[in-house]
């Protein structure tokens, strides 16, 4: 497995691993017809957008690491759903 594939397959570096795997499983179940998996793709895209915005906000506020560790992610999602704000 190459380095990029390892990064994508790790929950530590890919907060959207569940959504990524769900999209791949959907494709496999539906004979690789992308139209059948639009909901999965949309969910994955929303997840990636959310975490990219988290990283952007953390960069702007000087918070490192840019991607929060897995144990902090649930609290960030809860705060966002409650307040509509990432920071």
PDB file of N, CA and C in Angstrom:
ATOM      1  N   UNK A   1       0.856  -1.172   0.000  1.00  0.00           N
ATOM      2  CA  UNK A   1       0.000   0.000   0.000  1.00  0.00           C
ATOM      3  C   UNK A   1       0.903   1.235   0.000  1.00  0.00           C
ATOM      4  N   UNK A   2       0.639   2.162  -0.928  1.00  0.00           N
ATOM      5  CA  UNK A   2       1.468   3.360  -0.979  1.00  0.00           C
ATOM      6  C   UNK A   2       1.127   4.306   0.166  1.00  0.00           C
ATOM      7  N   UNK A   3       1.962   5.315   0.346  1.00  0.00           N
ATOM      8  CA  UNK A   3       1.817   6.218   1.496  1.00  0.00           C
ATOM      9  C   UNK A   3       0.473   6.955   1.498  1.00  0.00           C
ATOM     10  N   UNK A   4       0.012   7.408   0.328  1.00  0.00           N
ATOM     11  CA  UNK A   4      -1.273   8.113   0.256  1.00  0.00           C
ATOM     12  C   UNK A   4      -2.422   7.172   0.611  1.00  0.00           C
ATOM     13  N   UNK A   5      -2.371   5.952   0.142  1.00  0.00           N
ATOM     14  CA  UNK A   5      -3.420   4.980   0.456  1.00  0.00           C
ATOM     15  C   UNK A   5      -3.428   4.668   1.950  1.00  0.00           C
ATOM     16  N   UNK A   6      -2.243   4.581   2.568  1.00  0.00           N
ATOM     17  CA  UNK A   6      -2.166   4.342   4.009  1.00  0.00           C
ATOM     18  C   UNK A   6      -2.790   5.500   4.780  1.00  0.00           C
ATOM     19  N   UNK A   7      -2.526   6.731   4.318  1.00  0.00           N
ATOM     20  CA  UNK A   7      -3.064   7.918   4.980  1.00  0.00           C
ATOM     21  C   UNK A   7      -4.586   7.916   4.902  1.00  0.00           C
ATOM     22  N   UNK A   8      -5.126   7.570   3.735  1.00  0.00           N
ATOM     23  CA  UNK A   8      -6.574   7.535   3.565  1.00  0.00           C
ATOM     24  C   UNK A   8      -7.225   6.429   4.391  1.00  0.00           C
ATOM     25  N   UNK A   9      -6.475   5.368   4.651  1.00  0.00           N
ATOM     26  CA  UNK A   9      -7.029   4.218   5.361  1.00  0.00           C
ATOM     27  C   UNK A   9      -6.901   4.339   6.871  1.00  0.00           C
ATOM     28  N   UNK A  10      -6.353   5.452   7.354  1.00  0.00           N
ATOM     29  CA  UNK A  10      -6.154   5.628   8.783  1.00  0.00           C
ATOM     30  C   UNK A  10      -7.150   6.632   9.350  1.00  0.00           C
ATOM     31  N   UNK A  11      -7.835   6.244  10.404  1.00  0.00           N
ATOM     32  CA  UNK A  11      -8.786   7.137  11.062  1.00  0.00           C
ATOM     33  C   UNK A  11      -8.072   8.338  11.689  1.00  0.00           C
ATOM     34  N   UNK A  12      -6.796   8.163  12.030  1.00  0.00           N
ATOM     35  CA  UNK A  12      -6.029   9.267  12.615  1.00  0.00           C
ATOM     36  C   UNK A  12      -5.853  10.412  11.633  1.00  0.00           C
ATOM     37  N   UNK A  13      -5.694  10.097  10.353  1.00  0.00           N
ATOM     38  CA  UNK A  13      -5.431  11.126   9.346  1.00  0.00           C
ATOM     39  C   UNK A  13      -6.612  11.388   8.427  1.00  0.00           C
ATOM     40  N   UNK A  14      -7.652  10.568   8.513  1.00  0.00           N
ATOM     41  CA  UNK A  14      -8.820  10.737   7.654  1.00  0.00           C
ATOM     42  C   UNK A  14     -10.087  10.681   8.504  1.00  0.00           C
ATOM     43  N   UNK A  15     -10.589  11.859   8.920  1.00  0.00           N
ATOM     44  CA  UNK A  15     -11.788  11.854   9.756  1.00  0.00           C
ATOM     45  C   UNK A  15     -13.034  11.378   9.015  1.00  0.00           C
ATOM     46  N   UNK A  16     -12.938  11.233   7.711  1.00  0.00           N
ATOM     47  CA  UNK A  16     -14.072  10.798   6.889  1.00  0.00           C
ATOM     48  C   UNK A  16     -13.895   9.355   6.408  1.00  0.00           C
ATOM     49  N   UNK A  17     -13.139   8.582   7.155  1.00  0.00           N
ATOM     50  CA  UNK A  17     -12.862   7.204   6.750  1.00  0.00           C
ATOM     51  C   UNK A  17     -14.149   6.387   6.622  1.00  0.00           C
ATOM     52  N   UNK A  18     -15.070   6.555   7.564  1.00  0.00           N
ATOM     53  CA  UNK A  18     -16.336   5.807   7.519  1.00  0.00           C
ATOM     54  C   UNK A  18     -17.105   6.142   6.239  1.00  0.00           C
ATOM     55  N   UNK A  19     -17.178   7.426   5.897  1.00  0.00           N
ATOM     56  CA  UNK A  19     -17.892   7.869   4.703  1.00  0.00           C
ATOM     57  C   UNK A  19     -17.172   7.402   3.434  1.00  0.00           C
ATOM     58  N   UNK A  20     -15.859   7.432   3.471  1.00  0.00           N
ATOM     59  CA  UNK A  20     -15.050   6.962   2.338  1.00  0.00           C
ATOM     60  C   UNK A  20     -15.329   5.481   2.069  1.00  0.00           C
ATOM     61  N   UNK A  21     -15.251   4.678   3.133  1.00  0.00           N
ATOM     62  CA  UNK A  21     -15.486   3.242   2.990  1.00  0.00           C
ATOM     63  C   UNK A  21     -16.916   2.948   2.559  1.00  0.00           C
ATOM     64  N   UNK A  22     -17.867   3.717   3.069  1.00  0.00           N
ATOM     65  CA  UNK A  22     -19.260   3.536   2.690  1.00  0.00           C
ATOM     66  C   UNK A  22     -19.462   3.776   1.188  1.00  0.00           C
ATOM     67  N   UNK A  23     -18.806   4.794   0.660  1.00  0.00           N
ATOM     68  CA  UNK A  23     -18.893   5.079  -0.774  1.00  0.00           C
ATOM     69  C   UNK A  23     -18.324   3.938  -1.604  1.00  0.00           C
ATOM     70  N   UNK A  24     -17.175   3.424  -1.166  1.00  0.00           N
ATOM     71  CA  UNK A  24     -16.553   2.314  -1.898  1.00  0.00           C
ATOM     72  C   UNK A  24     -17.417   1.058  -1.856  1.00  0.00           C
ATOM     73  N   UNK A  25     -17.999   0.780  -0.691  1.00  0.00           N
ATOM     74  CA  UNK A  25     -18.864  -0.398  -0.572  1.00  0.00           C
ATOM     75  C   UNK A  25     -20.104  -0.250  -1.438  1.00  0.00           C
ATOM     76  N   UNK A  26     -20.654   0.952  -1.489  1.00  0.00           N
ATOM     77  CA  UNK A  26     -21.828   1.200  -2.325  1.00  0.00           C
ATOM     78  C   UNK A  26     -21.498   0.946  -3.788  1.00  0.00           C
ATOM     79  N   UNK A  27     -20.364   1.447  -4.225  1.00  0.00           N
ATOM     80  CA  UNK A  27     -19.958   1.218  -5.616  1.00  0.00           C
ATOM     81  C   UNK A  27     -19.832  -0.275  -5.907  1.00  0.00           C
ATOM     82  N   UNK A  28     -19.195  -1.006  -5.005  1.00  0.00           N
ATOM     83  CA  UNK A  28     -19.015  -2.443  -5.205  1.00  0.00           C
ATOM     84  C   UNK A  28     -20.363  -3.159  -5.264  1.00  0.00           C
ATOM     85  N   UNK A  29     -21.306  -2.763  -4.403  1.00  0.00           N
ATOM     86  CA  UNK A  29     -22.636  -3.387  -4.377  1.00  0.00           C
ATOM     87  C   UNK A  29     -23.443  -3.078  -5.636  1.00  0.00           C
ATOM     88  N   UNK A  30     -23.182  -1.924  -6.249  1.00  0.00           N
ATOM     89  CA  UNK A  30     -23.993  -1.460  -7.377  1.00  0.00           C
ATOM     90  C   UNK A  30     -23.245  -1.498  -8.705  1.00  0.00           C
ATOM     91  N   UNK A  31     -22.345  -2.470  -8.840  1.00  0.00           N
ATOM     92  CA  UNK A  31     -21.624  -2.685 -10.097  1.00  0.00           C
ATOM     93  C   UNK A  31     -20.924  -1.407 -10.584  1.00  0.00           C
ATOM     94  N   UNK A  32     -20.400  -0.631  -9.635  1.00  0.00           N
ATOM     95  CA  UNK A  32     -19.626   0.585  -9.905  1.00  0.00           C
ATOM     96  C   UNK A  32     -20.398   1.628 -10.711  1.00  0.00           C
ATOM     97  N   UNK A  33     -21.701   1.693 -10.437  1.00  0.00           N
ATOM     98  CA  UNK A  33     -22.555   2.716 -11.049  1.00  0.00           C
ATOM     99  C   UNK A  33     -22.600   3.915 -10.108  1.00  0.00           C
ATOM    100  N   UNK A  34     -21.934   5.022 -10.462  1.00  0.00           N
ATOM    101  CA  UNK A  34     -21.862   6.163  -9.550  1.00  0.00           C
ATOM    102  C   UNK A  34     -23.213   6.802  -9.252  1.00  0.00           C
ATOM    103  N   UNK A  35     -24.151   6.736 -10.173  1.00  0.00           N
ATOM    104  CA  UNK A  35     -25.468   7.327  -9.940  1.00  0.00           C
ATOM    105  C   UNK A  35     -26.197   6.642  -8.790  1.00  0.00           C
ATOM    106  N   UNK A  36     -25.912   5.379  -8.569  1.00  0.00           N
ATOM    107  CA  UNK A  36     -26.555   4.631  -7.489  1.00  0.00           C
ATOM    108  C   UNK A  36     -26.033   5.038  -6.114  1.00  0.00           C
ATOM    109  N   UNK A  37     -24.927   5.736  -6.085  1.00  0.00           N
ATOM    110  CA  UNK A  37     -24.265   6.037  -4.814  1.00  0.00           C
ATOM    111  C   UNK A  37     -24.172   7.529  -4.529  1.00  0.00           C
ATOM    112  N   UNK A  38     -25.020   8.323  -5.169  1.00  0.00           N
ATOM    113  CA  UNK A  38     -24.950   9.777  -5.002  1.00  0.00           C
ATOM    114  C   UNK A  38     -25.075  10.214  -3.546  1.00  0.00           C
ATOM    115  N   UNK A  39     -25.946   9.576  -2.775  1.00  0.00           N
ATOM    116  CA  UNK A  39     -26.100   9.948  -1.361  1.00  0.00           C
ATOM    117  C   UNK A  39     -24.801   9.715  -0.592  1.00  0.00           C
ATOM    118  N   UNK A  40     -24.140   8.605  -0.877  1.00  0.00           N
ATOM    119  CA  UNK A  40     -22.869   8.299  -0.218  1.00  0.00           C
ATOM    120  C   UNK A  40     -21.810   9.331  -0.601  1.00  0.00           C
ATOM    121  N   UNK A  41     -21.759   9.680  -1.877  1.00  0.00           N
ATOM    122  CA  UNK A  41     -20.778  10.658  -2.346  1.00  0.00           C
ATOM    123  C   UNK A  41     -21.048  12.026  -1.732  1.00  0.00           C
ATOM    124  N   UNK A  42     -22.308  12.413  -1.645  1.00  0.00           N
ATOM    125  CA  UNK A  42     -22.662  13.707  -1.052  1.00  0.00           C
ATOM    126  C   UNK A  42     -22.277  13.756   0.423  1.00  0.00           C
ATOM    127  N   UNK A  43     -22.524  12.671   1.121  1.00  0.00           N
ATOM    128  CA  UNK A  43     -22.169  12.589   2.534  1.00  0.00           C
ATOM    129  C   UNK A  43     -20.651  12.694   2.715  1.00  0.00           C
ATOM    130  N   UNK A  44     -19.905  11.997   1.888  1.00  0.00           N
ATOM    131  CA  UNK A  44     -18.438  12.044   1.951  1.00  0.00           C
ATOM    132  C   UNK A  44     -17.938  13.453   1.634  1.00  0.00           C
ATOM    133  N   UNK A  45     -18.521  14.081   0.619  1.00  0.00           N
ATOM    134  CA  UNK A  45     -18.120  15.435   0.245  1.00  0.00           C
ATOM    135  C   UNK A  45     -18.418  16.421   1.379  1.00  0.00           C
ATOM    136  N   UNK A  46     -19.575  16.287   2.022  1.00  0.00           N
ATOM    137  CA  UNK A  46     -19.916  17.163   3.143  1.00  0.00           C
ATOM    138  C   UNK A  46     -18.946  16.960   4.306  1.00  0.00           C
ATOM    139  N   UNK A  47     -18.587  15.728   4.564  1.00  0.00           N
ATOM    140  CA  UNK A  47     -17.641  15.426   5.622  1.00  0.00           C
ATOM    141  C   UNK A  47     -16.286  16.073   5.335  1.00  0.00           C
ATOM    142  N   UNK A  48     -15.797  15.889   4.115  1.00  0.00           N
ATOM    143  CA  UNK A  48     -14.502  16.475   3.738  1.00  0.00           C
ATOM    144  C   UNK A  48     -14.551  17.997   3.836  1.00  0.00           C
ATOM    145  N   UNK A  49     -15.637  18.600   3.394  1.00  0.00           N
ATOM    146  CA  UNK A  49     -15.774  20.057   3.463  1.00  0.00           C
ATOM    147  C   UNK A  49     -15.753  20.537   4.915  1.00  0.00           C
ATOM    148  N   UNK A  50     -16.465  19.837   5.775  1.00  0.00           N
ATOM    149  CA  UNK A  50     -16.504  20.207   7.190  1.00  0.00           C
ATOM    150  C   UNK A  50     -15.105  20.176   7.797  1.00  0.00           C
ATOM    151  N   UNK A  51     -14.393  19.070   7.616  1.00  0.00           N
ATOM    152  CA  UNK A  51     -13.076  18.946   8.242  1.00  0.00           C
ATOM    153  C   UNK A  51     -12.047  19.856   7.595  1.00  0.00           C
ATOM    154  N   UNK A  52     -12.201  20.159   6.320  1.00  0.00           N
ATOM    155  CA  UNK A  52     -11.313  21.145   5.695  1.00  0.00           C
ATOM    156  C   UNK A  52     -11.551  22.526   6.307  1.00  0.00           C
ATOM    157  N   UNK A  53     -12.796  22.857   6.605  1.00  0.00           N
ATOM    158  CA  UNK A  53     -13.097  24.132   7.253  1.00  0.00           C
ATOM    159  C   UNK A  53     -12.565  24.154   8.687  1.00  0.00           C
ATOM    160  N   UNK A  54     -12.652  23.031   9.384  1.00  0.00           N
ATOM    161  CA  UNK A  54     -12.075  22.949  10.730  1.00  0.00           C
ATOM    162  C   UNK A  54     -10.577  23.235  10.652  1.00  0.00           C
ATOM    163  N   UNK A  55      -9.906  22.606   9.695  1.00  0.00           N
ATOM    164  CA  UNK A  55      -8.460  22.826   9.552  1.00  0.00           C
ATOM    165  C   UNK A  55      -8.163  24.281   9.210  1.00  0.00           C
ATOM    166  N   UNK A  56      -8.970  24.884   8.365  1.00  0.00           N
ATOM    167  CA  UNK A  56      -8.763  26.280   7.988  1.00  0.00           C
ATOM    168  C   UNK A  56      -8.915  27.194   9.204  1.00  0.00           C
ATOM    169  N   UNK A  57      -9.963  26.960   9.982  1.00  0.00           N
ATOM    170  CA  UNK A  57     -10.188  27.772  11.173  1.00  0.00           C
ATOM    171  C   UNK A  57      -9.060  27.599  12.193  1.00  0.00           C
ATOM    172  N   UNK A  58      -8.613  26.391  12.362  1.00  0.00           N
ATOM    173  CA  UNK A  58      -7.510  26.140  13.301  1.00  0.00           C
ATOM    174  C   UNK A  58      -6.235  26.821  12.824  1.00  0.00           C
ATOM    175  N   UNK A  59      -5.992  26.799  11.510  1.00  0.00           N
ATOM    176  CA  UNK A  59      -4.820  27.487  10.959  1.00  0.00           C
ATOM    177  C   UNK A  59      -4.922  28.984  11.243  1.00  0.00           C
ATOM    178  N   UNK A  60      -6.105  29.574  11.007  1.00  0.00           N
ATOM    179  CA  UNK A  60      -6.312  31.003  11.243  1.00  0.00           C
ATOM    180  C   UNK A  60      -6.110  31.383  12.710  1.00  0.00           C
ATOM    181  N   UNK A  61      -6.450  30.473  13.615  1.00  0.00           N
ATOM    182  CA  UNK A  61      -6.327  30.742  15.045  1.00  0.00           C
ATOM    183  C   UNK A  61      -5.011  30.228  15.631  1.00  0.00           C
ATOM    184  N   UNK A  62      -4.124  29.727  14.786  1.00  0.00           N
ATOM    185  CA  UNK A  62      -2.819  29.251  15.245  1.00  0.00           C
ATOM    186  C   UNK A  62      -2.874  27.988  16.078  1.00  0.00           C
ATOM    187  N   UNK A  63      -3.878  27.174  15.868  1.00  0.00           N
ATOM    188  CA  UNK A  63      -4.030  25.934  16.634  1.00  0.00           C
ATOM    189  C   UNK A  63      -3.384  24.786  15.860  1.00  0.00           C
ATOM    190  N   UNK A  64      -2.539  24.047  16.537  1.00  0.00           N
ATOM    191  CA  UNK A  64      -1.880  22.894  15.941  1.00  0.00           C
ATOM    192  C   UNK A  64      -2.200  21.662  16.778  1.00  0.00           C
ATOM    193  N   UNK A  65      -2.313  20.506  16.224  1.00  0.00           N
ATOM    194  CA  UNK A  65      -2.284  20.211  14.795  1.00  0.00           C
ATOM    195  C   UNK A  65      -3.547  20.740  14.117  1.00  0.00           C
ATOM    196  N   UNK A  66      -3.444  20.940  12.814  1.00  0.00           N
ATOM    197  CA  UNK A  66      -4.595  21.468  12.079  1.00  0.00           C
ATOM    198  C   UNK A  66      -5.776  20.515  12.131  1.00  0.00           C
ATOM    199  N   UNK A  67      -5.512  19.243  11.987  1.00  0.00           N
ATOM    200  CA  UNK A  67      -6.577  18.241  12.096  1.00  0.00           C
ATOM    201  C   UNK A  67      -6.592  17.743  13.534  1.00  0.00           C
ATOM    202  N   UNK A  68      -7.691  17.963  14.231  1.00  0.00           N
ATOM    203  CA  UNK A  68      -7.742  17.536  15.634  1.00  0.00           C
ATOM    204  C   UNK A  68      -7.580  16.021  15.751  1.00  0.00           C
ATOM    205  N   UNK A  69      -7.004  15.575  16.857  1.00  0.00           N
ATOM    206  CA  UNK A  69      -6.883  14.133  17.064  1.00  0.00           C
ATOM    207  C   UNK A  69      -8.267  13.488  17.178  1.00  0.00           C
ATOM    208  N   UNK A  70      -8.361  12.210  16.868  1.00  0.00           N
ATOM    209  CA  UNK A  70      -9.667  11.528  16.871  1.00  0.00           C
ATOM    210  C   UNK A  70     -10.468  11.716  18.151  1.00  0.00           C
ATOM    211  N   UNK A  71      -9.818  11.772  19.301  1.00  0.00           N
ATOM    212  CA  UNK A  71     -10.551  11.886  20.564  1.00  0.00           C
ATOM    213  C   UNK A  71     -11.209  13.255  20.749  1.00  0.00           C
ATOM    214  N   UNK A  72     -10.820  14.266  19.972  1.00  0.00           N
ATOM    215  CA  UNK A  72     -11.424  15.601  20.072  1.00  0.00           C
ATOM    216  C   UNK A  72     -12.513  15.845  19.016  1.00  0.00           C
ATOM    217  N   UNK A  73     -12.601  15.003  18.030  1.00  0.00           N
ATOM    218  CA  UNK A  73     -13.467  15.274  16.874  1.00  0.00           C
ATOM    219  C   UNK A  73     -14.952  15.256  17.207  1.00  0.00           C
ATOM    220  N   UNK A  74     -15.379  14.351  18.046  1.00  0.00           N
ATOM    221  CA  UNK A  74     -16.805  14.266  18.367  1.00  0.00           C
ATOM    222  C   UNK A  74     -17.272  15.545  19.048  1.00  0.00           C
ATOM    223  N   UNK A  75     -16.465  16.084  19.961  1.00  0.00           N
ATOM    224  CA  UNK A  75     -16.827  17.323  20.652  1.00  0.00           C
ATOM    225  C   UNK A  75     -16.916  18.488  19.662  1.00  0.00           C
ATOM    226  N   UNK A  76     -16.053  18.505  18.674  1.00  0.00           N
ATOM    227  CA  UNK A  76     -16.092  19.565  17.654  1.00  0.00           C
ATOM    228  C   UNK A  76     -17.373  19.461  16.842  1.00  0.00           C
ATOM    229  N   UNK A  77     -17.759  18.247  16.465  1.00  0.00           N
ATOM    230  CA  UNK A  77     -19.000  18.061  15.711  1.00  0.00           C
ATOM    231  C   UNK A  77     -20.214  18.465  16.544  1.00  0.00           C
ATOM    232  N   UNK A  78     -20.235  18.080  17.813  1.00  0.00           N
ATOM    233  CA  UNK A  78     -21.356  18.433  18.682  1.00  0.00           C
ATOM    234  C   UNK A  78     -21.473  19.945  18.809  1.00  0.00           C
ATOM    235  N   UNK A  79     -20.343  20.611  19.039  1.00  0.00           N
ATOM    236  CA  UNK A  79     -20.357  22.070  19.155  1.00  0.00           C
ATOM    237  C   UNK A  79     -20.893  22.716  17.879  1.00  0.00           C
ATOM    238  N   UNK A  80     -20.472  22.185  16.729  1.00  0.00           N
ATOM    239  CA  UNK A  80     -20.927  22.738  15.459  1.00  0.00           C
ATOM    240  C   UNK A  80     -22.437  22.559  15.299  1.00  0.00           C
ATOM    241  N   UNK A  81     -22.953  21.380  15.625  1.00  0.00           N
ATOM    242  CA  UNK A  81     -24.385  21.130  15.472  1.00  0.00           C
ATOM    243  C   UNK A  81     -25.210  21.962  16.450  1.00  0.00           C
ATOM    244  N   UNK A  82     -24.653  22.264  17.605  1.00  0.00           N
ATOM    245  CA  UNK A  82     -25.364  23.083  18.597  1.00  0.00           C
ATOM    246  C   UNK A  82     -25.329  24.573  18.254  1.00  0.00           C
ATOM    247  N   UNK A  83     -24.169  25.045  17.800  1.00  0.00           N
ATOM    248  CA  UNK A  83     -23.992  26.489  17.618  1.00  0.00           C
ATOM    249  C   UNK A  83     -23.925  26.931  16.163  1.00  0.00           C
ATOM    250  N   UNK A  84     -23.631  25.989  15.267  1.00  0.00           N
ATOM    251  CA  UNK A  84     -23.438  26.357  13.861  1.00  0.00           C
ATOM    252  C   UNK A  84     -22.064  26.958  13.591  1.00  0.00           C
ATOM    253  N   UNK A  85     -21.218  26.957  14.626  1.00  0.00           N
ATOM    254  CA  UNK A  85     -19.873  27.522  14.505  1.00  0.00           C
ATOM    255  C   UNK A  85     -18.840  26.460  14.765  1.00  0.00           C
ATOM    256  N   UNK A  86     -17.743  26.543  14.026  1.00  0.00           N
ATOM    257  CA  UNK A  86     -16.659  25.583  14.202  1.00  0.00           C
ATOM    258  C   UNK A  86     -15.757  25.995  15.363  1.00  0.00           C
ATOM    259  N   UNK A  87     -15.486  27.260  15.474  1.00  0.00           N
ATOM    260  CA  UNK A  87     -14.600  27.763  16.535  1.00  0.00           C
ATOM    261  C   UNK A  87     -15.418  28.576  17.514  1.00  0.00           C
TER     262      UNK A  87
END
